PDB file of N, CA and C in Angstrom:
ATOM      1  N   MET A   1     -52.993  -0.530  34.906  1.00  0.00           N
ATOM      2  CA  MET A   1     -54.408  -0.683  34.533  1.00  0.00           C
ATOM      3  C   MET A   1     -55.011  -1.934  35.222  1.00  0.00           C
ATOM      4  N   SER A   2     -54.461  -3.122  35.264  1.00  0.00           N
ATOM      5  CA  SER A   2     -54.872  -4.400  35.540  1.00  0.00           C
ATOM      6  C   SER A   2     -55.179  -4.317  37.293  1.00  0.00           C
ATOM      7  N   ILE A   3     -54.353  -3.717  37.849  1.00  0.00           N
ATOM      8  CA  ILE A   3     -54.451  -3.172  39.273  1.00  0.00           C
ATOM      9  C   ILE A   3     -55.778  -2.610  39.674  1.00  0.00           C
ATOM     10  N   ILE A   4     -55.986  -1.640  38.539  1.00  0.00           N
ATOM     11  CA  ILE A   4     -57.401  -0.796  38.834  1.00  0.00           C
ATOM     12  C   ILE A   4     -58.686  -1.719  38.734  1.00  0.00           C
ATOM     13  N   ILE A   5     -58.450  -2.350  37.671  1.00  0.00           N
ATOM     14  CA  ILE A   5     -59.540  -3.361  37.347  1.00  0.00           C
ATOM     15  C   ILE A   5     -59.805  -4.434  38.280  1.00  0.00           C
ATOM     16  N   LEU A   6     -58.507  -4.923  38.706  1.00  0.00           N
ATOM     17  CA  LEU A   6     -58.745  -6.044  39.759  1.00  0.00           C
ATOM     18  C   LEU A   6     -59.196  -5.365  41.196  1.00  0.00           C
ATOM     19  N   THR A   7     -59.170  -4.290  41.604  1.00  0.00           N
ATOM     20  CA  THR A   7     -59.765  -3.469  42.612  1.00  0.00           C
ATOM     21  C   THR A   7     -61.102  -3.474  42.525  1.00  0.00           C
ATOM     22  N   ILE A   8     -61.514  -2.784  41.290  1.00  0.00           N
ATOM     23  CA  ILE A   8     -62.883  -2.822  40.929  1.00  0.00           C
ATOM     24  C   ILE A   8     -63.574  -3.923  40.979  1.00  0.00           C
ATOM     25  N   HIS A   9     -62.816  -5.226  40.608  1.00  0.00           N
ATOM     26  CA  HIS A   9     -63.405  -6.748  40.586  1.00  0.00           C
ATOM     27  C   HIS A   9     -63.795  -7.028  41.909  1.00  0.00           C
ATOM     28  N   ILE A  10     -63.060  -6.795  42.882  1.00  0.00           N
ATOM     29  CA  ILE A  10     -63.087  -7.345  44.249  1.00  0.00           C
ATOM     30  C   ILE A  10     -64.184  -6.416  45.066  1.00  0.00           C
ATOM     31  N   LEU A  11     -64.285  -5.118  44.850  1.00  0.00           N
ATOM     32  CA  LEU A  11     -65.479  -4.226  45.285  1.00  0.00           C
ATOM     33  C   LEU A  11     -66.873  -4.684  44.757  1.00  0.00           C
ATOM     34  N   ILE A  12     -66.873  -4.734  43.450  1.00  0.00           N
ATOM     35  CA  ILE A  12     -68.049  -5.752  42.777  1.00  0.00           C
ATOM     36  C   ILE A  12     -68.469  -6.998  43.343  1.00  0.00           C
ATOM     37  N   ALA A  13     -67.365  -7.877  43.659  1.00  0.00           N
ATOM     38  CA  ALA A  13     -67.557  -9.142  44.391  1.00  0.00           C
ATOM     39  C   ALA A  13     -68.201  -9.061  45.817  1.00  0.00           C
ATOM     40  N   ILE A  14     -67.599  -8.074  46.787  1.00  0.00           N
ATOM     41  CA  ILE A  14     -67.925  -7.739  48.150  1.00  0.00           C
ATOM     42  C   ILE A  14     -69.400  -7.166  47.942  1.00  0.00           C
ATOM     43  N   SER A  15     -69.598  -6.105  47.276  1.00  0.00           N
ATOM     44  CA  SER A  15     -71.127  -5.817  46.727  1.00  0.00           C
ATOM     45  C   SER A  15     -72.082  -6.617  46.485  1.00  0.00           C
ATOM     46  N   LEU A  16     -71.800  -7.919  45.417  1.00  0.00           N
ATOM     47  CA  LEU A  16     -72.622  -8.705  45.044  1.00  0.00           C
ATOM     48  C   LEU A  16     -72.922  -9.773  46.374  1.00  0.00           C
ATOM     49  N   VAL A  17     -71.964 -10.002  47.059  1.00  0.00           N
ATOM     50  CA  VAL A  17     -72.314 -10.732  48.238  1.00  0.00           C
ATOM     51  C   VAL A  17     -73.232 -10.251  49.235  1.00  0.00           C
ATOM     52  N   PHE A  18     -72.874  -8.789  49.402  1.00  0.00           N
ATOM     53  CA  PHE A  18     -73.801  -8.207  50.282  1.00  0.00           C
ATOM     54  C   PHE A  18     -75.331  -7.998  49.972  1.00  0.00           C
ATOM     55  N   VAL A  19     -75.468  -7.731  48.133  1.00  0.00           N
ATOM     56  CA  VAL A  19     -76.881  -7.484  47.877  1.00  0.00           C
ATOM     57  C   VAL A  19     -77.543  -9.008  48.038  1.00  0.00           C
ATOM     58  N   ILE A  20     -76.640 -10.173  47.623  1.00  0.00           N
ATOM     59  CA  ILE A  20     -77.422 -11.478  47.772  1.00  0.00           C
ATOM     60  C   ILE A  20     -77.851 -11.801  48.886  1.00  0.00           C
ATOM     61  N   LEU A  21     -77.063 -11.427  50.209  1.00  0.00           N
ATOM     62  CA  LEU A  21     -77.540 -11.688  51.492  1.00  0.00           C
ATOM     63  C   LEU A  21     -78.846 -10.656  51.884  1.00  0.00           C
ATOM     64  N   LEU A  22     -78.966  -9.536  51.313  1.00  0.00           N
ATOM     65  CA  LEU A  22     -79.995  -8.812  51.790  1.00  0.00           C
ATOM     66  C   LEU A  22     -81.218  -9.248  50.945  1.00  0.00           C
ATOM     67  N   GLN A  23     -81.250 -10.098  50.029  1.00  0.00           N
ATOM     68  CA  GLN A  23     -82.438 -10.563  49.409  1.00  0.00           C
ATOM     69  C   GLN A  23     -83.557 -11.732  50.148  1.00  0.00           C
ATOM     70  N   ARG A  24     -84.307 -11.513  50.149  1.00  0.00           N
ATOM     71  CA  ARG A  24     -85.332 -12.364  50.936  1.00  0.00           C
ATOM     72  C   ARG A  24     -85.363 -13.899  50.298  1.00  0.00           C
ATOM     73  N   SER A  25     -85.037 -14.848  50.744  1.00  0.00           N
ATOM     74  CA  SER A  25     -84.917 -16.353  50.522  1.00  0.00           C
ATOM     75  C   SER A  25     -86.285 -16.661  50.410  1.00  0.00           C
ATOM     76  N   GLU A  26     -86.572 -17.957  49.718  1.00  0.00           N
ATOM     77  CA  GLU A  26     -87.740 -18.675  49.529  1.00  0.00           C
ATOM     78  C   GLU A  26     -88.266 -19.013  50.895  1.00  0.00           C
ATOM     79  N   GLY A  27     -87.506 -19.601  51.804  1.00  0.00           N
ATOM     80  CA  GLY A  27     -87.912 -20.020  53.017  1.00  0.00           C
ATOM     81  C   GLY A  27     -87.410 -18.921  54.013  1.00  0.00           C
ATOM     82  N   GLY A  28     -86.895 -17.688  53.721  1.00  0.00           N
ATOM     83  CA  GLY A  28     -87.044 -16.753  54.875  1.00  0.00           C
ATOM     84  C   GLY A  28     -85.887 -16.748  55.482  1.00  0.00           C
ATOM     85  N   GLY A  29     -84.672 -17.312  55.185  1.00  0.00           N
ATOM     86  CA  GLY A  29     -83.418 -17.824  56.007  1.00  0.00           C
ATOM     87  C   GLY A  29     -82.956 -16.469  56.326  1.00  0.00           C
ATOM     88  N   LEU A  30     -81.948 -15.858  55.330  1.00  0.00           N
ATOM     89  CA  LEU A  30     -81.242 -14.886  55.602  1.00  0.00           C
ATOM     90  C   LEU A  30     -81.612 -13.500  55.360  1.00  0.00           C
ATOM     91  N   GLY A  31     -82.987 -13.632  54.684  1.00  0.00           N
ATOM     92  CA  GLY A  31     -83.351 -12.397  54.154  1.00  0.00           C
ATOM     93  C   GLY A  31     -83.618 -11.559  55.011  1.00  0.00           C
ATOM     94  N   ILE A  32     -82.945  -9.795  55.183  1.00  0.00           N
ATOM     95  CA  ILE A  32     -83.421  -8.731  56.059  1.00  0.00           C
ATOM     96  C   ILE A  32     -84.052  -7.846  55.197  1.00  0.00           C
ATOM     97  N   GLY A  33     -84.783  -7.953  54.321  1.00  0.00           N
ATOM     98  CA  GLY A  33     -85.389  -6.667  53.568  1.00  0.00           C
ATOM     99  C   GLY A  33     -86.517  -6.165  54.138  1.00  0.00           C
ATOM    100  N   GLY A  34     -87.054  -6.533  55.409  1.00  0.00           N
ATOM    101  CA  GLY A  34     -87.713  -5.613  56.286  1.00  0.00           C
ATOM    102  C   GLY A  34     -89.397  -6.442  56.101  1.00  0.00           C
ATOM    103  N   GLY A  35     -89.284  -7.237  55.556  1.00  0.00           N
ATOM    104  CA  GLY A  35     -90.612  -8.437  55.638  1.00  0.00           C
ATOM    105  C   GLY A  35     -91.855  -7.727  54.919  1.00  0.00           C
ATOM    106  N   GLY A  36     -92.908  -7.804  55.714  1.00  0.00           N
ATOM    107  CA  GLY A  36     -94.005  -7.308  54.879  1.00  0.00           C
ATOM    108  C   GLY A  36     -94.760  -6.322  55.297  1.00  0.00           C
ATOM    109  N   GLN A  37     -94.012  -5.432  56.430  1.00  0.00           N
ATOM    110  CA  GLN A  37     -94.738  -4.126  57.208  1.00  0.00           C
ATOM    111  C   GLN A  37     -95.008  -3.347  55.945  1.00  0.00           C
ATOM    112  N   GLY A  38     -96.130  -2.451  56.160  1.00  0.00           N
ATOM    113  CA  GLY A  38     -96.219  -1.508  55.067  1.00  0.00           C
ATOM    114  C   GLY A  38     -95.539  -0.032  55.612  1.00  0.00           C
ATOM    115  N   GLY A  39     -95.035  -0.058  56.868  1.00  0.00           N
ATOM    116  CA  GLY A  39     -94.461   1.075  57.037  1.00  0.00           C
ATOM    117  C   GLY A  39     -93.047   1.753  56.822  1.00  0.00           C
ATOM    118  N   GLY A  40     -92.869   0.858  55.721  1.00  0.00           N
ATOM    119  CA  GLY A  40     -91.139   1.003  55.343  1.00  0.00           C
ATOM    120  C   GLY A  40     -91.025   1.919  53.933  1.00  0.00           C
ATOM    121  N   PHE A  41     -89.807   2.192  53.793  1.00  0.00           N
ATOM    122  CA  PHE A  41     -89.401   3.159  52.831  1.00  0.00           C
ATOM    123  C   PHE A  41     -90.174   2.561  51.462  1.00  0.00           C
ATOM    124  N   MET A  42     -90.178   1.334  51.486  1.00  0.00           N
ATOM    125  CA  MET A  42     -90.472   0.708  49.936  1.00  0.00           C
ATOM    126  C   MET A  42     -91.370  -0.425  50.407  1.00  0.00           C
ATOM    127  N   THR A  43     -92.238  -0.906  49.557  1.00  0.00           N
ATOM    128  CA  THR A  43     -92.882  -2.097  49.632  1.00  0.00           C
ATOM    129  C   THR A  43     -92.220  -3.239  49.538  1.00  0.00           C
ATOM    130  N   ALA A  44     -92.567  -4.450  49.924  1.00  0.00           N
ATOM    131  CA  ALA A  44     -91.696  -5.712  49.887  1.00  0.00           C
ATOM    132  C   ALA A  44     -91.313  -6.041  48.474  1.00  0.00           C
ATOM    133  N   ARG A  45     -92.469  -5.899  47.638  1.00  0.00           N
ATOM    134  CA  ARG A  45     -92.213  -6.145  46.158  1.00  0.00           C
ATOM    135  C   ARG A  45     -91.295  -5.054  45.560  1.00  0.00           C
ATOM    136  N   GLY A  46     -91.410  -3.788  45.955  1.00  0.00           N
ATOM    137  CA  GLY A  46     -90.485  -2.770  45.173  1.00  0.00           C
ATOM    138  C   GLY A  46     -89.295  -3.164  45.588  1.00  0.00           C
ATOM    139  N   THR A  47     -88.862  -3.422  46.994  1.00  0.00           N
ATOM    140  CA  THR A  47     -87.723  -3.777  47.759  1.00  0.00           C
ATOM    141  C   THR A  47     -87.062  -4.835  46.689  1.00  0.00           C
ATOM    142  N   ALA A  48     -87.748  -6.048  46.755  1.00  0.00           N
ATOM    143  CA  ALA A  48     -87.272  -7.102  45.854  1.00  0.00           C
ATOM    144  C   ALA A  48     -87.012  -6.813  44.372  1.00  0.00           C
ATOM    145  N   ASN A  49     -87.775  -6.064  43.657  1.00  0.00           N
ATOM    146  CA  ASN A  49     -87.624  -5.738  42.386  1.00  0.00           C
ATOM    147  C   ASN A  49     -85.946  -4.890  42.284  1.00  0.00           C
ATOM    148  N   LEU A  50     -85.883  -4.038  43.304  1.00  0.00           N
ATOM    149  CA  LEU A  50     -84.661  -3.179  43.388  1.00  0.00           C
ATOM    150  C   LEU A  50     -83.316  -4.078  43.581  1.00  0.00           C
ATOM    151  N   LEU A  51     -83.685  -4.976  44.313  1.00  0.00           N
ATOM    152  CA  LEU A  51     -82.497  -5.866  45.004  1.00  0.00           C
ATOM    153  C   LEU A  51     -82.242  -6.870  43.668  1.00  0.00           C
ATOM    154  N   THR A  52     -83.108  -7.123  43.096  1.00  0.00           N
ATOM    155  CA  THR A  52     -82.984  -8.231  41.872  1.00  0.00           C
ATOM    156  C   THR A  52     -82.348  -7.434  40.775  1.00  0.00           C
ATOM    157  N   ARG A  53     -82.667  -6.486  40.538  1.00  0.00           N
ATOM    158  CA  ARG A  53     -82.109  -5.310  39.311  1.00  0.00           C
ATOM    159  C   ARG A  53     -80.650  -5.033  39.539  1.00  0.00           C
ATOM    160  N   VAL A  54     -80.331  -4.686  41.244  1.00  0.00           N
ATOM    161  CA  VAL A  54     -78.988  -4.473  41.461  1.00  0.00           C
ATOM    162  C   VAL A  54     -78.085  -5.530  41.327  1.00  0.00           C
ATOM    163  N   THR A  55     -78.694  -6.835  41.676  1.00  0.00           N
ATOM    164  CA  THR A  55     -78.082  -8.166  41.761  1.00  0.00           C
ATOM    165  C   THR A  55     -77.774  -8.403  40.078  1.00  0.00           C
ATOM    166  N   ALA A  56     -78.602  -8.250  39.243  1.00  0.00           N
ATOM    167  CA  ALA A  56     -78.180  -8.527  37.752  1.00  0.00           C
ATOM    168  C   ALA A  56     -77.419  -7.302  37.382  1.00  0.00           C
ATOM    169  N   PHE A  57     -77.028  -6.185  37.578  1.00  0.00           N
ATOM    170  CA  PHE A  57     -76.125  -5.470  37.241  1.00  0.00           C
ATOM    171  C   PHE A  57     -74.779  -5.683  37.743  1.00  0.00           C
ATOM    172  N   LEU A  58     -74.646  -5.965  39.174  1.00  0.00           N
ATOM    173  CA  LEU A  58     -73.370  -6.247  39.609  1.00  0.00           C
ATOM    174  C   LEU A  58     -73.019  -7.699  38.913  1.00  0.00           C
ATOM    175  N   ALA A  59     -74.012  -8.642  38.747  1.00  0.00           N
ATOM    176  CA  ALA A  59     -73.104  -9.887  38.134  1.00  0.00           C
ATOM    177  C   ALA A  59     -72.927  -9.599  36.631  1.00  0.00           C
ATOM    178  N   VAL A  60     -73.523  -8.877  35.926  1.00  0.00           N
ATOM    179  CA  VAL A  60     -73.055  -8.309  34.672  1.00  0.00           C
ATOM    180  C   VAL A  60     -71.592  -7.697  34.777  1.00  0.00           C
ATOM    181  N   ALA A  61     -71.570  -6.721  35.758  1.00  0.00           N
ATOM    182  CA  ALA A  61     -70.415  -6.027  35.949  1.00  0.00           C
ATOM    183  C   ALA A  61     -69.041  -6.967  36.379  1.00  0.00           C
ATOM    184  N   PHE A  62     -69.324  -7.956  37.091  1.00  0.00           N
ATOM    185  CA  PHE A  62     -68.469  -8.906  37.316  1.00  0.00           C
ATOM    186  C   PHE A  62     -68.059  -9.828  36.335  1.00  0.00           C
ATOM    187  N   PHE A  63     -68.812 -10.238  35.692  1.00  0.00           N
ATOM    188  CA  PHE A  63     -68.510 -11.160  34.609  1.00  0.00           C
ATOM    189  C   PHE A  63     -67.606 -10.383  33.458  1.00  0.00           C
ATOM    190  N   SER A  64     -67.933  -9.042  33.393  1.00  0.00           N
ATOM    191  CA  SER A  64     -67.056  -8.439  32.369  1.00  0.00           C
ATOM    192  C   SER A  64     -65.964  -7.896  33.012  1.00  0.00           C
ATOM    193  N   THR A  65     -65.718  -7.821  34.224  1.00  0.00           N
ATOM    194  CA  THR A  65     -64.258  -7.187  34.716  1.00  0.00           C
ATOM    195  C   THR A  65     -63.496  -8.733  35.002  1.00  0.00           C
ATOM    196  N   SER A  66     -64.341 -10.011  34.960  1.00  0.00           N
ATOM    197  CA  SER A  66     -63.549 -11.034  34.855  1.00  0.00           C
ATOM    198  C   SER A  66     -62.970 -11.482  33.558  1.00  0.00           C
ATOM    199  N   ILE A  67     -63.690 -10.994  32.529  1.00  0.00           N
ATOM    200  CA  ILE A  67     -63.400 -11.342  30.997  1.00  0.00           C
ATOM    201  C   ILE A  67     -62.232 -10.487  30.826  1.00  0.00           C
ATOM    202  N   ILE A  68     -62.082  -9.229  31.090  1.00  0.00           N
ATOM    203  CA  ILE A  68     -61.268  -8.220  30.924  1.00  0.00           C
ATOM    204  C   ILE A  68     -59.860  -8.465  31.557  1.00  0.00           C
ATOM    205  N   LEU A  69     -59.966  -9.125  33.201  1.00  0.00           N
ATOM    206  CA  LEU A  69     -58.614  -9.503  33.683  1.00  0.00           C
ATOM    207  C   LEU A  69     -58.121 -10.602  32.824  1.00  0.00           C
ATOM    208  N   ALA A  70     -58.946 -11.358  32.447  1.00  0.00           N
ATOM    209  CA  ALA A  70     -58.475 -12.571  31.530  1.00  0.00           C
ATOM    210  C   ALA A  70     -57.846 -12.328  30.591  1.00  0.00           C
ATOM    211  N   ILE A  71     -58.322 -11.362  29.591  1.00  0.00           N
ATOM    212  CA  ILE A  71     -57.794 -10.804  28.400  1.00  0.00           C
ATOM    213  C   ILE A  71     -56.368 -10.116  28.919  1.00  0.00           C
ATOM    214  N   LEU A  72     -56.392  -9.416  29.896  1.00  0.00           N
ATOM    215  CA  LEU A  72     -55.133  -8.739  30.267  1.00  0.00           C
ATOM    216  C   LEU A  72     -54.233  -9.653  30.671  1.00  0.00           C
ATOM    217  N   SER A  73     -54.460 -10.439  31.389  1.00  0.00           N
ATOM    218  CA  SER A  73     -53.494 -11.432  32.109  1.00  0.00           C
ATOM    219  C   SER A  73     -52.841 -12.092  30.770  1.00  0.00           C
ATOM    220  N   GLY A  74     -53.675 -12.750  29.486  1.00  0.00           N
ATOM    221  CA  GLY A  74     -53.139 -13.436  28.545  1.00  0.00           C
ATOM    222  C   GLY A  74     -52.092 -12.504  27.714  1.00  0.00           C
ATOM    223  N   ARG A  75     -52.291 -11.372  27.758  1.00  0.00           N
ATOM    224  CA  ARG A  75     -51.458 -10.278  26.966  1.00  0.00           C
ATOM    225  C   ARG A  75     -50.196 -10.011  27.628  1.00  0.00           C
ATOM    226  N   THR A  76     -50.087 -10.195  29.158  1.00  0.00           N
ATOM    227  CA  THR A  76     -49.017  -9.905  29.601  1.00  0.00           C
ATOM    228  C   THR A  76     -47.939 -11.016  29.811  1.00  0.00           C
ATOM    229  N   ALA A  77     -48.462 -12.301  29.369  1.00  0.00           N
ATOM    230  CA  ALA A  77     -47.692 -13.506  29.140  1.00  0.00           C
ATOM    231  C   ALA A  77     -46.606 -13.195  28.420  1.00  0.00           C
ATOM    232  N   VAL A  78     -45.404 -13.277  28.932  1.00  0.00           N
ATOM    233  CA  VAL A  78     -44.183 -13.234  28.074  1.00  0.00           C
ATOM    234  C   VAL A  78     -43.968 -14.276  27.509  1.00  0.00           C
ATOM    235  N   GLU A  79     -43.370 -14.869  26.321  1.00  0.00           N
ATOM    236  CA  GLU A  79     -42.607 -16.085  25.860  1.00  0.00           C
ATOM    237  C   GLU A  79     -41.203 -15.873  25.738  1.00  0.00           C
ATOM    238  N   PRO A  80     -40.492 -16.683  25.783  1.00  0.00           N
ATOM    239  CA  PRO A  80     -39.049 -16.170  25.552  1.00  0.00           C
ATOM    240  C   PRO A  80     -38.802 -16.172  24.301  1.00  0.00           C
ATOM    241  N   SER A  81     -37.856 -15.161  23.638  1.00  0.00           N
ATOM    242  CA  SER A  81     -37.906 -14.918  22.404  1.00  0.00           C
ATOM    243  C   SER A  81     -36.802 -15.640  22.204  1.00  0.00           C
ATOM    244  N   LEU A  82     -36.443 -15.499  20.536  1.00  0.00           N
ATOM    245  CA  LEU A  82     -35.125 -16.302  19.928  1.00  0.00           C
ATOM    246  C   LEU A  82     -33.827 -15.989  20.734  1.00  0.00           C
ATOM    247  N   LEU A  83     -33.735 -14.583  20.786  1.00  0.00           N
ATOM    248  CA  LEU A  83     -32.506 -13.772  21.329  1.00  0.00           C
ATOM    249  C   LEU A  83     -32.252 -14.387  22.611  1.00  0.00           C
ATOM    250  N   ASP A  84     -33.219 -14.604  23.542  1.00  0.00           N
ATOM    251  CA  ASP A  84     -33.043 -15.014  24.987  1.00  0.00           C
ATOM    252  C   ASP A  84     -32.409 -16.566  24.923  1.00  0.00           C
ATOM    253  N   GLU A  85     -33.036 -17.197  23.932  1.00  0.00           N
ATOM    254  CA  GLU A  85     -32.652 -18.699  23.771  1.00  0.00           C
ATOM    255  C   GLU A  85     -31.315 -18.689  23.397  1.00  0.00           C
ATOM    256  N   ILE A  86     -30.703 -17.980  22.492  1.00  0.00           N
ATOM    257  CA  ILE A  86     -29.548 -17.784  21.845  1.00  0.00           C
ATOM    258  C   ILE A  86     -28.500 -17.475  23.104  1.00  0.00           C
ATOM    259  N   THR A  87     -28.651 -16.414  23.561  1.00  0.00           N
ATOM    260  CA  THR A  87     -27.677 -15.706  24.549  1.00  0.00           C
ATOM    261  C   THR A  87     -27.435 -16.716  25.883  1.00  0.00           C
ATOM    262  N   SER A  88     -28.552 -17.284  26.080  1.00  0.00           N
ATOM    263  CA  SER A  88     -28.610 -18.547  27.005  1.00  0.00           C
ATOM    264  C   SER A  88     -27.736 -19.801  26.862  1.00  0.00           C
ATOM    265  N   GLU A  89     -27.757 -20.200  25.509  1.00  0.00           N
ATOM    266  CA  GLU A  89     -26.732 -21.108  24.860  1.00  0.00           C
ATOM    267  C   GLU A  89     -25.449 -20.807  24.867  1.00  0.00           C
ATOM    268  N   ALA A  90     -25.179 -19.331  24.313  1.00  0.00           N
ATOM    269  CA  ALA A  90     -23.986 -18.854  24.244  1.00  0.00           C
ATOM    270  C   ALA A  90     -23.182 -18.546  25.626  1.00  0.00           C
ATOM    271  N   GLU A  91     -23.935 -18.618  26.617  1.00  0.00           N
ATOM    272  CA  GLU A  91     -23.430 -18.279  28.005  1.00  0.00           C
ATOM    273  C   GLU A  91     -22.738 -19.722  28.487  1.00  0.00           C
ATOM    274  N   THR A  92     -23.674 -20.681  28.388  1.00  0.00           N
ATOM    275  CA  THR A  92     -23.337 -22.036  28.485  1.00  0.00           C
ATOM    276  C   THR A  92     -22.040 -22.782  27.884  1.00  0.00           C
ATOM    277  N   SER A  93     -22.116 -22.504  26.632  1.00  0.00           N
ATOM    278  CA  SER A  93     -21.031 -22.944  25.632  1.00  0.00           C
ATOM    279  C   SER A  93     -19.808 -21.959  25.692  1.00  0.00           C
ATOM    280  N   THR A  94     -19.771 -20.877  26.427  1.00  0.00           N
ATOM    281  CA  THR A  94     -18.119 -20.216  26.766  1.00  0.00           C
ATOM    282  C   THR A  94     -17.315 -20.599  27.912  1.00  0.00           C
ATOM    283  N   GLN A  95     -17.979 -21.515  28.488  1.00  0.00           N
ATOM    284  CA  GLN A  95     -17.286 -22.113  29.617  1.00  0.00           C
ATOM    285  C   GLN A  95     -15.943 -22.846  28.832  1.00  0.00           C
ATOM    286  N   SER A  96     -14.544 -22.683  29.353  1.00  0.00           N
ATOM    287  CA  SER A  96     -13.391 -23.248  29.057  1.00  0.00           C
ATOM    288  C   SER A  96     -13.665 -24.971  29.538  1.00  0.00           C
ATOM    289  N   PRO A  97     -13.147 -25.953  28.820  1.00  0.00           N
ATOM    290  CA  PRO A  97     -13.134 -27.258  29.300  1.00  0.00           C
ATOM    291  C   PRO A  97     -11.963 -27.179  29.975  1.00  0.00           C
ATOM    292  N   ALA A  98     -11.886 -28.190  30.884  1.00  0.00           N
ATOM    293  CA  ALA A  98     -10.882 -28.482  32.144  1.00  0.00           C
ATOM    294  C   ALA A  98      -9.816 -29.052  31.363  1.00  0.00           C
ATOM    295  N   ILE A  99      -8.627 -28.253  31.519  1.00  0.00           N
ATOM    296  CA  ILE A  99      -7.166 -28.556  30.881  1.00  0.00           C
ATOM    297  C   ILE A  99      -6.528 -29.896  31.810  1.00  0.00           C
ATOM    298  N   PRO A 100      -6.251 -31.006  30.876  1.00  0.00           N
ATOM    299  CA  PRO A 100      -5.810 -31.977  31.755  1.00  0.00           C
ATOM    300  C   PRO A 100      -4.253 -31.733  32.275  1.00  0.00           C
ATOM    301  N   THR A 101      -3.975 -32.367  33.112  1.00  0.00           N
ATOM    302  CA  THR A 101      -2.699 -32.088  33.923  1.00  0.00           C
ATOM    303  C   THR A 101      -2.043 -33.101  33.928  1.00  0.00           C
ATOM    304  N   VAL A 102      -0.370 -32.684  33.396  1.00  0.00           N
ATOM    305  CA  VAL A 102       0.334 -33.937  33.414  1.00  0.00           C
ATOM    306  C   VAL A 102       1.115 -34.204  34.614  1.00  0.00           C
ATOM    307  N   PRO A 103       1.133 -34.871  35.055  1.00  0.00           N
ATOM    308  CA  PRO A 103       1.980 -35.555  36.390  1.00  0.00           C
ATOM    309  C   PRO A 103       3.242 -35.116  36.336  1.00  0.00           C
ATOM    310  N   ALA A 104       4.040 -34.531  37.502  1.00  0.00           N
ATOM    311  CA  ALA A 104       5.305 -33.822  37.483  1.00  0.00           C
ATOM    312  C   ALA A 104       6.448 -34.992  37.275  1.00  0.00           C
ATOM    313  N   ASP A 105       6.268 -36.194  37.884  1.00  0.00           N
ATOM    314  CA  ASP A 105       7.207 -37.213  37.695  1.00  0.00           C
ATOM    315  C   ASP A 105       7.535 -37.609  36.246  1.00  0.00           C
ATOM    316  N   GLN A 106       6.746 -37.258  35.219  1.00  0.00           N
ATOM    317  CA  GLN A 106       7.128 -37.853  34.008  1.00  0.00           C
ATOM    318  C   GLN A 106       8.140 -36.928  33.265  1.00  0.00           C
TER     319      GLN A 106
END
């Protein structure tokens, strides 16, 4: 279950980076959204609104999968039980002590 959610989480993260890089920045740096030409599929304003909404959706999905993964990792942490501690102590105490040897010349 956690592997599926982790895979979805990674895909969302990659998509989020891609969508953020597509957006037009204030300085016009990395934005490749098509500029202000009127011959495109959508207007510059419509593209900006679409990318903003997609970014918000991906951000919510990213945080949701992060919380789900944190909850799942907390549940899978196994603490040692009392029986495990007793059996480990029993294994160390069953070793026989060394028998002193008596020298042969006495």
